[in-house]
Amino acid sequence: MGPADTASTDAPAMTPDAIRQLIEQGLPGAQVRVFGDDGVHFEALVVSEAFHGKLPLARHRMVYATLGALMGNEIHALSLKTLTPAEAG
């Protein structure tokens, strides 16, 4: 509801590595690469078998769910590319 809601996060300043770890924890087995150098705008490539049979919007929601309240707060923007292992080649 306010700043206290984000105070419980482990990383006050977001880094690509911190975001990668959160996504990997929320989507076990996923291969994740995150890029971004300004601390609030990021791009991620997420490859996961869990995306099989899911539309792009559902895949993005799965990734956003791993980041919870960080989205729109510490993470201002996250551009996603979500693929299954077969799609990634």
Protein backbone atom coordinates (compact mmCIF):
# COMPACT_ATOMS: atom_id res chain seq x y z
CA MET A 1 0.00 0.00 0.00
CA GLY A 2 2.97 2.31 0.41
CA PRO A 3 6.74 2.38 0.69
CA ALA A 4 6.63 -0.17 3.51
CA ASP A 5 5.33 -2.78 1.05
CA THR A 6 8.59 -2.73 -0.89
CA ALA A 7 10.82 -2.43 2.18
CA SER A 8 10.78 -6.21 2.66
CA THR A 9 12.61 -6.89 -0.60
CA ASP A 10 16.16 -8.15 -0.35
CA ALA A 11 17.61 -5.73 -2.91
CA PRO A 12 16.79 -2.03 -2.52
CA ALA A 13 18.48 -1.20 -5.83
CA MET A 14 17.54 -3.54 -8.65
CA THR A 15 20.25 -5.09 -10.75
CA PRO A 16 19.93 -7.43 -13.72
CA ASP A 17 21.41 -10.21 -11.58
CA ALA A 18 18.86 -9.69 -8.79
CA ILE A 19 15.99 -9.82 -11.28
CA ARG A 20 17.45 -12.94 -12.90
CA GLN A 21 17.61 -14.67 -9.52
CA LEU A 22 14.00 -13.78 -8.68
CA ILE A 23 12.74 -15.10 -12.01
CA GLU A 24 14.79 -18.30 -11.67
CA GLN A 25 13.41 -18.86 -8.15
CA GLY A 26 9.84 -18.36 -9.37
CA LEU A 27 10.26 -20.45 -12.54
CA PRO A 28 12.55 -23.33 -11.57
CA GLY A 29 14.55 -24.66 -14.50
CA ALA A 30 14.18 -21.47 -16.53
CA GLN A 31 17.14 -20.04 -18.39
CA VAL A 32 17.14 -16.29 -17.78
CA ARG A 33 19.19 -13.42 -19.14
CA VAL A 34 18.48 -9.86 -17.96
CA PHE A 35 19.95 -6.66 -19.31
CA GLY A 36 19.67 -3.05 -18.12
CA ASP A 37 22.11 -0.45 -16.93
CA ASP A 38 19.97 2.35 -15.48
CA GLY A 39 18.54 0.41 -12.51
CA VAL A 40 14.86 0.80 -13.48
CA HIS A 41 14.48 -0.27 -17.14
CA PHE A 42 15.30 -3.87 -18.00
CA GLU A 43 15.05 -6.41 -20.80
CA ALA A 44 14.81 -10.13 -20.15
CA LEU A 45 14.97 -13.31 -22.19
CA VAL A 46 13.28 -16.15 -20.34
CA VAL A 47 13.32 -19.70 -21.71
CA SER A 48 11.14 -22.17 -19.81
CA GLU A 49 9.34 -25.43 -20.53
CA ALA A 50 6.54 -24.03 -18.32
CA PHE A 51 5.62 -21.71 -21.23
CA HIS A 52 4.66 -24.66 -23.46
CA GLY A 53 1.11 -24.22 -24.76
CA LYS A 54 0.71 -20.75 -23.26
CA LEU A 55 -0.01 -17.53 -25.13
CA PRO A 56 2.52 -14.66 -24.86
CA LEU A 57 0.34 -12.71 -22.39
CA ALA A 58 0.11 -15.71 -20.05
CA ARG A 59 3.87 -16.21 -20.27
CA HIS A 60 4.51 -12.57 -19.38
CA ARG A 61 2.12 -12.80 -16.44
CA MET A 62 4.04 -15.83 -15.17
CA VAL A 63 7.28 -13.84 -15.22
CA TYR A 64 5.69 -10.74 -13.66
CA ALA A 65 4.31 -12.94 -10.87
CA THR A 66 7.88 -13.90 -9.91
CA LEU A 67 8.68 -10.20 -9.37
CA GLY A 68 5.54 -9.25 -7.44
CA ALA A 69 5.43 -5.73 -6.01
CA LEU A 70 8.79 -4.84 -7.56
CA MET A 71 7.01 -4.31 -10.88
CA GLY A 72 6.02 -0.68 -11.20
CA ASN A 73 8.13 0.24 -8.19
CA GLU A 74 11.82 -0.72 -8.16
CA ILE A 75 11.40 -2.10 -11.70
CA HIS A 76 9.84 0.68 -13.75
CA ALA A 77 9.81 -1.27 -17.02
CA LEU A 78 10.61 -4.81 -18.08
CA SER A 79 10.64 -5.81 -21.74
CA LEU A 80 10.19 -9.57 -22.05
CA LYS A 81 10.95 -12.21 -24.62
CA THR A 82 9.53 -15.54 -23.43
CA LEU A 83 10.26 -18.78 -25.25
CA THR A 84 10.01 -22.52 -24.73
CA PRO A 85 13.25 -24.47 -25.17
CA ALA A 86 11.99 -25.72 -28.57
CA GLU A 87 11.30 -22.14 -29.71
CA ALA A 88 14.71 -20.99 -28.51
CA GLY A 89 16.36 -23.71 -30.58
